[in-house]
Amino acid sequence: METEPMPHEGRQSTRQRFEHRGWHVLVELVSSSSEGVVSAHAEVKDHGSYSCHLSITNQRQDPGEAMATLADRARALIDERLGPAPAGPASAASPPGGTR
């Protein structure tokens, strides 16, 4: 999984990109306020025929936890759309800790 700090409307944001079962996922922390409100979203795309936008806004949640939650939800969405994973070794493209 690639993590990169990116500017976002004058604030610092963090992005994580990874693939799961051939699908592309981008998870981005959009904001984290001093009041403890965290906002993040994820874009989930297959090879052009399907895409989905997931988002989370929560008070008193750790920004890293919010991003991990969205990554888990993105993987679950992909698994639901594709059905059970084939037997064998786990996908090397999916980040460690893929299931929580």
PDB file of N, CA and C in Angstrom:
ATOM      1  N   MET A   1       0.855  -1.164   0.000  1.00  0.00           N
ATOM      2  CA  MET A   1       0.000   0.000   0.000  1.00  0.00           C
ATOM      3  C   MET A   1       0.892   1.215   0.000  1.00  0.00           C
ATOM      4  N   GLU A   2       0.596   2.155  -0.857  1.00  0.00           N
ATOM      5  CA  GLU A   2       1.354   3.386  -0.968  1.00  0.00           C
ATOM      6  C   GLU A   2       0.648   4.458  -0.141  1.00  0.00           C
ATOM      7  N   THR A   3       1.402   5.149   0.711  1.00  0.00           N
ATOM      8  CA  THR A   3       0.847   6.248   1.499  1.00  0.00           C
ATOM      9  C   THR A   3       1.599   7.506   1.133  1.00  0.00           C
ATOM     10  N   GLU A   4       0.874   8.560   0.828  1.00  0.00           N
ATOM     11  CA  GLU A   4       1.524   9.794   0.428  1.00  0.00           C
ATOM     12  C   GLU A   4       0.802  10.994   1.022  1.00  0.00           C
ATOM     13  N   PRO A   5       1.547  11.959   1.603  1.00  0.00           N
ATOM     14  CA  PRO A   5       0.907  13.189   2.061  1.00  0.00           C
ATOM     15  C   PRO A   5       0.582  14.046   0.843  1.00  0.00           C
ATOM     16  N   MET A   6      -0.602  14.596   0.784  1.00  0.00           N
ATOM     17  CA  MET A   6      -1.014  15.413  -0.347  1.00  0.00           C
ATOM     18  C   MET A   6      -1.721  16.666   0.160  1.00  0.00           C
ATOM     19  N   PRO A   7      -1.455  17.836  -0.458  1.00  0.00           N
ATOM     20  CA  PRO A   7      -2.198  19.029  -0.068  1.00  0.00           C
ATOM     21  C   PRO A   7      -3.656  18.901  -0.493  1.00  0.00           C
ATOM     22  N   HIS A   8      -4.561  19.391   0.309  1.00  0.00           N
ATOM     23  CA  HIS A   8      -5.993  19.317   0.003  1.00  0.00           C
ATOM     24  C   HIS A   8      -6.638  20.601   0.512  1.00  0.00           C
ATOM     25  N   GLU A   9      -6.964  21.496  -0.415  1.00  0.00           N
ATOM     26  CA  GLU A   9      -7.619  22.753  -0.067  1.00  0.00           C
ATOM     27  C   GLU A   9      -6.910  23.461   1.083  1.00  0.00           C
ATOM     28  N   GLY A  10      -5.595  23.588   0.984  1.00  0.00           N
ATOM     29  CA  GLY A  10      -4.853  24.316   2.001  1.00  0.00           C
ATOM     30  C   GLY A  10      -4.541  23.508   3.242  1.00  0.00           C
ATOM     31  N   ARG A  11      -5.014  22.251   3.329  1.00  0.00           N
ATOM     32  CA  ARG A  11      -4.733  21.383   4.474  1.00  0.00           C
ATOM     33  C   ARG A  11      -3.879  20.226   4.000  1.00  0.00           C
ATOM     34  N   GLN A  12      -3.317  19.536   4.936  1.00  0.00           N
ATOM     35  CA  GLN A  12      -2.549  18.340   4.618  1.00  0.00           C
ATOM     36  C   GLN A  12      -3.485  17.137   4.636  1.00  0.00           C
ATOM     37  N   SER A  13      -3.416  16.304   3.630  1.00  0.00           N
ATOM     38  CA  SER A  13      -4.211  15.077   3.640  1.00  0.00           C
ATOM     39  C   SER A  13      -3.274  13.907   3.382  1.00  0.00           C
ATOM     40  N   THR A  14      -3.757  12.723   3.652  1.00  0.00           N
ATOM     41  CA  THR A  14      -2.986  11.514   3.435  1.00  0.00           C
ATOM     42  C   THR A  14      -3.782  10.597   2.532  1.00  0.00           C
ATOM     43  N   ARG A  15      -3.091   9.991   1.575  1.00  0.00           N
ATOM     44  CA  ARG A  15      -3.725   9.064   0.644  1.00  0.00           C
ATOM     45  C   ARG A  15      -3.058   7.704   0.739  1.00  0.00           C
ATOM     46  N   GLN A  16      -3.868   6.668   0.599  1.00  0.00           N
ATOM     47  CA  GLN A  16      -3.369   5.299   0.509  1.00  0.00           C
ATOM     48  C   GLN A  16      -3.944   4.695  -0.761  1.00  0.00           C
ATOM     49  N   ARG A  17      -3.076   4.127  -1.573  1.00  0.00           N
ATOM     50  CA  ARG A  17      -3.510   3.449  -2.798  1.00  0.00           C
ATOM     51  C   ARG A  17      -3.121   1.979  -2.687  1.00  0.00           C
ATOM     52  N   PHE A  18      -4.035   1.112  -3.083  1.00  0.00           N
ATOM     53  CA  PHE A  18      -3.718  -0.307  -3.139  1.00  0.00           C
ATOM     54  C   PHE A  18      -4.661  -1.001  -4.101  1.00  0.00           C
ATOM     55  N   GLU A  19      -4.320  -2.232  -4.446  1.00  0.00           N
ATOM     56  CA  GLU A  19      -5.182  -3.069  -5.264  1.00  0.00           C
ATOM     57  C   GLU A  19      -5.649  -4.244  -4.422  1.00  0.00           C
ATOM     58  N   HIS A  20      -6.884  -4.642  -4.643  1.00  0.00           N
ATOM     59  CA  HIS A  20      -7.439  -5.824  -3.990  1.00  0.00           C
ATOM     60  C   HIS A  20      -8.195  -6.607  -5.051  1.00  0.00           C
ATOM     61  N   ARG A  21      -7.716  -7.830  -5.316  1.00  0.00           N
ATOM     62  CA  ARG A  21      -8.356  -8.719  -6.287  1.00  0.00           C
ATOM     63  C   ARG A  21      -8.516  -8.036  -7.651  1.00  0.00           C
ATOM     64  N   GLY A  22      -7.510  -7.233  -8.020  1.00  0.00           N
ATOM     65  CA  GLY A  22      -7.504  -6.578  -9.322  1.00  0.00           C
ATOM     66  C   GLY A  22      -8.217  -5.242  -9.375  1.00  0.00           C
ATOM     67  N   TRP A  23      -8.855  -4.836  -8.302  1.00  0.00           N
ATOM     68  CA  TRP A  23      -9.546  -3.552  -8.243  1.00  0.00           C
ATOM     69  C   TRP A  23      -8.603  -2.508  -7.649  1.00  0.00           C
ATOM     70  N   HIS A  24      -8.782  -1.255  -8.035  1.00  0.00           N
ATOM     71  CA  HIS A  24      -7.973  -0.154  -7.535  1.00  0.00           C
ATOM     72  C   HIS A  24      -8.739   0.594  -6.442  1.00  0.00           C
ATOM     73  N   VAL A  25      -8.042   0.870  -5.341  1.00  0.00           N
ATOM     74  CA  VAL A  25      -8.662   1.570  -4.217  1.00  0.00           C
ATOM     75  C   VAL A  25      -7.780   2.753  -3.835  1.00  0.00           C
ATOM     76  N   LEU A  26      -8.403   3.906  -3.648  1.00  0.00           N
ATOM     77  CA  LEU A  26      -7.739   5.099  -3.126  1.00  0.00           C
ATOM     78  C   LEU A  26      -8.493   5.519  -1.880  1.00  0.00           C
ATOM     79  N   VAL A  27      -7.809   5.538  -0.732  1.00  0.00           N
ATOM     80  CA  VAL A  27      -8.401   5.991   0.524  1.00  0.00           C
ATOM     81  C   VAL A  27      -7.705   7.302   0.880  1.00  0.00           C
ATOM     82  N   GLU A  28      -8.491   8.334   1.184  1.00  0.00           N
ATOM     83  CA  GLU A  28      -7.917   9.655   1.468  1.00  0.00           C
ATOM     84  C   GLU A  28      -8.516  10.238   2.747  1.00  0.00           C
ATOM     85  N   LEU A  29      -7.639  10.653   3.636  1.00  0.00           N
ATOM     86  CA  LEU A  29      -8.047  11.421   4.811  1.00  0.00           C
ATOM     87  C   LEU A  29      -8.264  12.847   4.334  1.00  0.00           C
ATOM     88  N   VAL A  30      -9.487  13.345   4.468  1.00  0.00           N
ATOM     89  CA  VAL A  30      -9.832  14.664   3.956  1.00  0.00           C
ATOM     90  C   VAL A  30      -9.593  15.733   5.003  1.00  0.00           C
ATOM     91  N   SER A  31      -9.983  15.480   6.244  1.00  0.00           N
ATOM     92  CA  SER A  31      -9.765  16.470   7.294  1.00  0.00           C
ATOM     93  C   SER A  31      -9.754  15.806   8.659  1.00  0.00           C
ATOM     94  N   SER A  32      -9.073  16.469   9.562  1.00  0.00           N
ATOM     95  CA  SER A  32      -9.020  16.054  10.961  1.00  0.00           C
ATOM     96  C   SER A  32      -8.933  17.332  11.766  1.00  0.00           C
ATOM     97  N   SER A  33      -9.972  17.647  12.528  1.00  0.00           N
ATOM     98  CA  SER A  33     -10.013  18.925  13.231  1.00  0.00           C
ATOM     99  C   SER A  33      -9.539  18.799  14.672  1.00  0.00           C
ATOM    100  N   SER A  34      -9.243  19.939  15.254  1.00  0.00           N
ATOM    101  CA  SER A  34      -8.830  19.963  16.658  1.00  0.00           C
ATOM    102  C   SER A  34      -9.971  19.540  17.582  1.00  0.00           C
ATOM    103  N   GLU A  35     -11.218  19.597  17.089  1.00  0.00           N
ATOM    104  CA  GLU A  35     -12.369  19.154  17.867  1.00  0.00           C
ATOM    105  C   GLU A  35     -12.552  17.645  17.803  1.00  0.00           C
ATOM    106  N   GLY A  36     -11.691  16.956  17.047  1.00  0.00           N
ATOM    107  CA  GLY A  36     -11.753  15.504  16.984  1.00  0.00           C
ATOM    108  C   GLY A  36     -12.629  14.948  15.883  1.00  0.00           C
ATOM    109  N   VAL A  37     -13.057  15.770  14.933  1.00  0.00           N
ATOM    110  CA  VAL A  37     -13.879  15.285  13.826  1.00  0.00           C
ATOM    111  C   VAL A  37     -12.948  14.855  12.692  1.00  0.00           C
ATOM    112  N   VAL A  38     -13.120  13.619  12.240  1.00  0.00           N
ATOM    113  CA  VAL A  38     -12.307  13.048  11.173  1.00  0.00           C
ATOM    114  C   VAL A  38     -13.205  12.766   9.975  1.00  0.00           C
ATOM    115  N   SER A  39     -12.736  13.129   8.788  1.00  0.00           N
ATOM    116  CA  SER A  39     -13.480  12.866   7.565  1.00  0.00           C
ATOM    117  C   SER A  39     -12.537  12.218   6.561  1.00  0.00           C
ATOM    118  N   ALA A  40     -12.999  11.142   5.932  1.00  0.00           N
ATOM    119  CA  ALA A  40     -12.198  10.425   4.946  1.00  0.00           C
ATOM    120  C   ALA A  40     -13.125   9.822   3.905  1.00  0.00           C
ATOM    121  N   HIS A  41     -12.552   9.529   2.734  1.00  0.00           N
ATOM    122  CA  HIS A  41     -13.343   8.847   1.707  1.00  0.00           C
ATOM    123  C   HIS A  41     -12.471   7.853   0.957  1.00  0.00           C
ATOM    124  N   ALA A  42     -13.133   6.952   0.238  1.00  0.00           N
ATOM    125  CA  ALA A  42     -12.447   5.947  -0.572  1.00  0.00           C
ATOM    126  C   ALA A  42     -13.125   5.862  -1.931  1.00  0.00           C
ATOM    127  N   GLU A  43     -12.312   5.736  -2.966  1.00  0.00           N
ATOM    128  CA  GLU A  43     -12.795   5.478  -4.324  1.00  0.00           C
ATOM    129  C   GLU A  43     -12.425   4.039  -4.656  1.00  0.00           C
ATOM    130  N   VAL A  44     -13.406   3.260  -5.087  1.00  0.00           N
ATOM    131  CA  VAL A  44     -13.204   1.852  -5.426  1.00  0.00           C
ATOM    132  C   VAL A  44     -13.559   1.693  -6.900  1.00  0.00           C
ATOM    133  N   LYS A  45     -12.596   1.199  -7.711  1.00  0.00           N
ATOM    134  CA  LYS A  45     -12.841   1.082  -9.153  1.00  0.00           C
ATOM    135  C   LYS A  45     -12.336  -0.253  -9.673  1.00  0.00           C
ATOM    136  N   ASP A  46     -13.148  -0.857 -10.535  1.00  0.00           N
ATOM    137  CA  ASP A  46     -12.661  -2.044 -11.234  1.00  0.00           C
ATOM    138  C   ASP A  46     -12.057  -1.561 -12.548  1.00  0.00           C
ATOM    139  N   HIS A  47     -12.166  -2.317 -13.591  1.00  0.00           N
ATOM    140  CA  HIS A  47     -11.526  -1.960 -14.856  1.00  0.00           C
ATOM    141  C   HIS A  47     -12.406  -1.049 -15.707  1.00  0.00           C
ATOM    142  N   GLY A  48     -13.103  -0.129 -15.094  1.00  0.00           N
ATOM    143  CA  GLY A  48     -13.857   0.855 -15.837  1.00  0.00           C
ATOM    144  C   GLY A  48     -15.355   0.697 -15.841  1.00  0.00           C
ATOM    145  N   SER A  49     -15.874  -0.468 -15.482  1.00  0.00           N
ATOM    146  CA  SER A  49     -17.317  -0.653 -15.569  1.00  0.00           C
ATOM    147  C   SER A  49     -18.048  -0.408 -14.249  1.00  0.00           C
ATOM    148  N   TYR A  50     -17.325  -0.303 -13.141  1.00  0.00           N
ATOM    149  CA  TYR A  50     -17.967  -0.085 -11.846  1.00  0.00           C
ATOM    150  C   TYR A  50     -17.061   0.774 -10.977  1.00  0.00           C
ATOM    151  N   SER A  51     -17.665   1.709 -10.283  1.00  0.00           N
ATOM    152  CA  SER A  51     -16.927   2.475  -9.281  1.00  0.00           C
ATOM    153  C   SER A  51     -17.878   2.855  -8.158  1.00  0.00           C
ATOM    154  N   CYS A  52     -17.299   3.062  -6.985  1.00  0.00           N
ATOM    155  CA  CYS A  52     -18.098   3.381  -5.811  1.00  0.00           C
ATOM    156  C   CYS A  52     -17.321   4.361  -4.947  1.00  0.00           C
ATOM    157  N   HIS A  53     -18.032   5.266  -4.324  1.00  0.00           N
ATOM    158  CA  HIS A  53     -17.433   6.237  -3.416  1.00  0.00           C
ATOM    159  C   HIS A  53     -17.930   5.917  -2.003  1.00  0.00           C
ATOM    160  N   LEU A  54     -17.007   5.642  -1.081  1.00  0.00           N
ATOM    161  CA  LEU A  54     -17.336   5.396   0.319  1.00  0.00           C
ATOM    162  C   LEU A  54     -16.832   6.577   1.129  1.00  0.00           C
ATOM    163  N   SER A  55     -17.544   6.937   2.195  1.00  0.00           N
ATOM    164  CA  SER A  55     -17.071   8.045   3.031  1.00  0.00           C
ATOM    165  C   SER A  55     -17.372   7.770   4.499  1.00  0.00           C
ATOM    166  N   ILE A  56     -16.614   8.439   5.345  1.00  0.00           N
ATOM    167  CA  ILE A  56     -16.806   8.318   6.787  1.00  0.00           C
ATOM    168  C   ILE A  56     -16.507   9.672   7.420  1.00  0.00           C
ATOM    169  N   THR A  57     -17.352  10.073   8.328  1.00  0.00           N
ATOM    170  CA  THR A  57     -17.125  11.257   9.159  1.00  0.00           C
ATOM    171  C   THR A  57     -17.487  10.844  10.567  1.00  0.00           C
ATOM    172  N   ASN A  58     -16.557  11.045  11.486  1.00  0.00           N
ATOM    173  CA  ASN A  58     -16.764  10.564  12.838  1.00  0.00           C
ATOM    174  C   ASN A  58     -16.069  11.487  13.824  1.00  0.00           C
ATOM    175  N   GLN A  59     -16.657  11.637  14.970  1.00  0.00           N
ATOM    176  CA  GLN A  59     -16.032  12.429  16.026  1.00  0.00           C
ATOM    177  C   GLN A  59     -15.278  11.492  16.960  1.00  0.00           C
ATOM    178  N   ARG A  60     -14.127  11.938  17.405  1.00  0.00           N
ATOM    179  CA  ARG A  60     -13.270  11.208  18.346  1.00  0.00           C
ATOM    180  C   ARG A  60     -12.744   9.895  17.781  1.00  0.00           C
ATOM    181  N   GLN A  61     -12.503   9.848  16.473  1.00  0.00           N
ATOM    182  CA  GLN A  61     -11.900   8.664  15.871  1.00  0.00           C
ATOM    183  C   GLN A  61     -10.501   9.039  15.394  1.00  0.00           C
ATOM    184  N   ASP A  62      -9.552   8.167  15.616  1.00  0.00           N
ATOM    185  CA  ASP A  62      -8.188   8.366  15.153  1.00  0.00           C
ATOM    186  C   ASP A  62      -8.180   8.400  13.624  1.00  0.00           C
ATOM    187  N   PRO A  63      -7.466   9.355  13.002  1.00  0.00           N
ATOM    188  CA  PRO A  63      -7.439   9.415  11.537  1.00  0.00           C
ATOM    189  C   PRO A  63      -6.961   8.113  10.892  1.00  0.00           C
ATOM    190  N   GLY A  64      -5.946   7.479  11.455  1.00  0.00           N
ATOM    191  CA  GLY A  64      -5.466   6.214  10.911  1.00  0.00           C
ATOM    192  C   GLY A  64      -6.517   5.126  10.999  1.00  0.00           C
ATOM    193  N   GLU A  65      -7.274   5.132  12.086  1.00  0.00           N
ATOM    194  CA  GLU A  65      -8.350   4.151  12.263  1.00  0.00           C
ATOM    195  C   GLU A  65      -9.457   4.375  11.233  1.00  0.00           C
ATOM    196  N   ALA A  66      -9.764   5.638  10.954  1.00  0.00           N
ATOM    197  CA  ALA A  66     -10.792   5.943   9.953  1.00  0.00           C
ATOM    198  C   ALA A  66     -10.365   5.442   8.581  1.00  0.00           C
ATOM    199  N   MET A  67      -9.101   5.645   8.234  1.00  0.00           N
ATOM    200  CA  MET A  67      -8.607   5.184   6.938  1.00  0.00           C
ATOM    201  C   MET A  67      -8.586   3.656   6.871  1.00  0.00           C
ATOM    202  N   ALA A  68      -8.193   3.001   7.958  1.00  0.00           N
ATOM    203  CA  ALA A  68      -8.181   1.536   7.998  1.00  0.00           C
ATOM    204  C   ALA A  68      -9.600   0.985   7.868  1.00  0.00           C
ATOM    205  N   THR A  69     -10.575   1.641   8.511  1.00  0.00           N
ATOM    206  CA  THR A  69     -11.969   1.224   8.418  1.00  0.00           C
ATOM    207  C   THR A  69     -12.451   1.300   6.973  1.00  0.00           C
ATOM    208  N   LEU A  70     -12.128   2.401   6.285  1.00  0.00           N
ATOM    209  CA  LEU A  70     -12.545   2.537   4.885  1.00  0.00           C
ATOM    210  C   LEU A  70     -11.849   1.517   3.988  1.00  0.00           C
ATOM    211  N   ALA A  71     -10.576   1.246   4.243  1.00  0.00           N
ATOM    212  CA  ALA A  71      -9.865   0.237   3.454  1.00  0.00           C
ATOM    213  C   ALA A  71     -10.529  -1.130   3.631  1.00  0.00           C
ATOM    214  N   ASP A  72     -10.899  -1.449   4.869  1.00  0.00           N
ATOM    215  CA  ASP A  72     -11.588  -2.714   5.142  1.00  0.00           C
ATOM    216  C   ASP A  72     -12.940  -2.766   4.438  1.00  0.00           C
ATOM    217  N   ARG A  73     -13.671  -1.654   4.466  1.00  0.00           N
ATOM    218  CA  ARG A  73     -14.987  -1.616   3.808  1.00  0.00           C
ATOM    219  C   ARG A  73     -14.841  -1.740   2.295  1.00  0.00           C
ATOM    220  N   ALA A  74     -13.786  -1.134   1.735  1.00  0.00           N
ATOM    221  CA  ALA A  74     -13.548  -1.244   0.300  1.00  0.00           C
ATOM    222  C   ALA A  74     -13.267  -2.693  -0.079  1.00  0.00           C
ATOM    223  N   ARG A  75     -12.417  -3.377   0.705  1.00  0.00           N
ATOM    224  CA  ARG A  75     -12.123  -4.789   0.435  1.00  0.00           C
ATOM    225  C   ARG A  75     -13.395  -5.634   0.553  1.00  0.00           C
ATOM    226  N   ALA A  76     -14.226  -5.353   1.548  1.00  0.00           N
ATOM    227  CA  ALA A  76     -15.480  -6.102   1.730  1.00  0.00           C
ATOM    228  C   ALA A  76     -16.422  -5.882   0.544  1.00  0.00           C
ATOM    229  N   LEU A  77     -16.496  -4.652   0.042  1.00  0.00           N
ATOM    230  CA  LEU A  77     -17.337  -4.359  -1.118  1.00  0.00           C
ATOM    231  C   LEU A  77     -16.863  -5.150  -2.329  1.00  0.00           C
ATOM    232  N   ILE A  78     -15.553  -5.157  -2.548  1.00  0.00           N
ATOM    233  CA  ILE A  78     -14.994  -5.897  -3.678  1.00  0.00           C
ATOM    234  C   ILE A  78     -15.283  -7.384  -3.526  1.00  0.00           C
ATOM    235  N   ASP A  79     -15.048  -7.926  -2.333  1.00  0.00           N
ATOM    236  CA  ASP A  79     -15.307  -9.349  -2.097  1.00  0.00           C
ATOM    237  C   ASP A  79     -16.776  -9.692  -2.305  1.00  0.00           C
ATOM    238  N   GLU A  80     -17.661  -8.805  -1.909  1.00  0.00           N
ATOM    239  CA  GLU A  80     -19.099  -9.028  -2.095  1.00  0.00           C
ATOM    240  C   GLU A  80     -19.452  -9.050  -3.585  1.00  0.00           C
ATOM    241  N   ARG A  81     -18.861  -8.138  -4.348  1.00  0.00           N
ATOM    242  CA  ARG A  81     -19.152  -8.068  -5.782  1.00  0.00           C
ATOM    243  C   ARG A  81     -18.576  -9.262  -6.543  1.00  0.00           C
ATOM    244  N   LEU A  82     -17.390  -9.753  -6.109  1.00  0.00           N
ATOM    245  CA  LEU A  82     -16.712 -10.821  -6.845  1.00  0.00           C
ATOM    246  C   LEU A  82     -17.038 -12.211  -6.328  1.00  0.00           C
ATOM    247  N   GLY A  83     -17.592 -12.304  -5.135  1.00  0.00           N
ATOM    248  CA  GLY A  83     -17.841 -13.612  -4.545  1.00  0.00           C
ATOM    249  C   GLY A  83     -16.616 -14.101  -3.801  1.00  0.00           C
ATOM    250  N   PRO A  84     -16.667 -15.341  -3.342  1.00  0.00           N
ATOM    251  CA  PRO A  84     -15.553 -15.872  -2.542  1.00  0.00           C
ATOM    252  C   PRO A  84     -14.237 -15.830  -3.311  1.00  0.00           C
ATOM    253  N   ALA A  85     -13.163 -15.533  -2.577  1.00  0.00           N
ATOM    254  CA  ALA A  85     -11.825 -15.514  -3.168  1.00  0.00           C
ATOM    255  C   ALA A  85     -11.428 -16.934  -3.537  1.00  0.00           C
ATOM    256  N   PRO A  86     -10.692 -17.088  -4.630  1.00  0.00           N
ATOM    257  CA  PRO A  86     -10.242 -18.431  -4.996  1.00  0.00           C
ATOM    258  C   PRO A  86      -9.304 -18.991  -3.930  1.00  0.00           C
ATOM    259  N   ALA A  87      -9.298 -20.314  -3.785  1.00  0.00           N
ATOM    260  CA  ALA A  87      -8.419 -20.960  -2.807  1.00  0.00           C
ATOM    261  C   ALA A  87      -6.978 -20.739  -3.208  1.00  0.00           C
ATOM    262  N   GLY A  88      -6.109 -20.611  -2.212  1.00  0.00           N
ATOM    263  CA  GLY A  88      -4.693 -20.413  -2.487  1.00  0.00           C
ATOM    264  C   GLY A  88      -4.155 -19.275  -1.660  1.00  0.00           C
ATOM    265  N   PRO A  89      -2.923 -18.863  -1.938  1.00  0.00           N
ATOM    266  CA  PRO A  89      -2.302 -17.780  -1.164  1.00  0.00           C
ATOM    267  C   PRO A  89      -3.075 -16.484  -1.315  1.00  0.00           C
ATOM    268  N   ALA A  90      -3.036 -15.678  -0.261  1.00  0.00           N
ATOM    269  CA  ALA A  90      -3.700 -14.362  -0.294  1.00  0.00           C
ATOM    270  C   ALA A  90      -3.036 -13.491  -1.352  1.00  0.00           C
ATOM    271  N   SER A  91      -3.808 -12.550  -1.883  1.00  0.00           N
ATOM    272  CA  SER A  91      -3.283 -11.646  -2.903  1.00  0.00           C
ATOM    273  C   SER A  91      -2.144 -10.814  -2.340  1.00  0.00           C
ATOM    274  N   ALA A  92      -1.023 -10.796  -3.034  1.00  0.00           N
ATOM    275  CA  ALA A  92       0.131 -10.010  -2.601  1.00  0.00           C
ATOM    276  C   ALA A  92      -0.117  -8.527  -2.780  1.00  0.00           C
ATOM    277  N   ALA A  93      -1.078  -8.143  -3.641  1.00  0.00           N
ATOM    278  CA  ALA A  93      -1.340  -6.732  -3.876  1.00  0.00           C
ATOM    279  C   ALA A  93      -2.170  -6.116  -2.759  1.00  0.00           C
ATOM    280  N   SER A  94      -2.860  -6.909  -1.991  1.00  0.00           N
ATOM    281  CA  SER A  94      -3.669  -6.398  -0.896  1.00  0.00           C
ATOM    282  C   SER A  94      -2.760  -6.112   0.295  1.00  0.00           C
ATOM    283  N   PRO A  95      -2.966  -4.971   0.992  1.00  0.00           N
ATOM    284  CA  PRO A  95      -2.075  -4.618   2.098  1.00  0.00           C
ATOM    285  C   PRO A  95      -2.151  -5.606   3.251  1.00  0.00           C
ATOM    286  N   PRO A  96      -1.081  -5.690   4.041  1.00  0.00           N
ATOM    287  CA  PRO A  96      -1.113  -6.560   5.220  1.00  0.00           C
ATOM    288  C   PRO A  96      -2.264  -6.192   6.148  1.00  0.00           C
ATOM    289  N   GLY A  97      -2.784  -7.168   6.838  1.00  0.00           N
ATOM    290  CA  GLY A  97      -3.904  -6.895   7.752  1.00  0.00           C
ATOM    291  C   GLY A  97      -5.182  -6.651   7.003  1.00  0.00           C
ATOM    292  N   GLY A  98      -5.305  -7.267   5.829  1.00  0.00           N
ATOM    293  CA  GLY A  98      -6.445  -7.032   4.957  1.00  0.00           C
ATOM    294  C   GLY A  98      -7.795  -7.281   5.585  1.00  0.00           C
ATOM    295  N   THR A  99      -7.891  -8.135   6.549  1.00  0.00           N
ATOM    296  CA  THR A  99      -9.163  -8.350   7.233  1.00  0.00           C
ATOM    297  C   THR A  99      -8.985  -7.997   8.691  1.00  0.00           C
ATOM    298  N   ARG A 100      -9.941  -7.328   9.219  1.00  0.00           N
ATOM    299  CA  ARG A 100      -9.895  -6.886  10.621  1.00  0.00           C
ATOM    300  C   ARG A 100     -11.092  -7.400  11.337  1.00  0.00           C
TER     301      ARG A 100
END
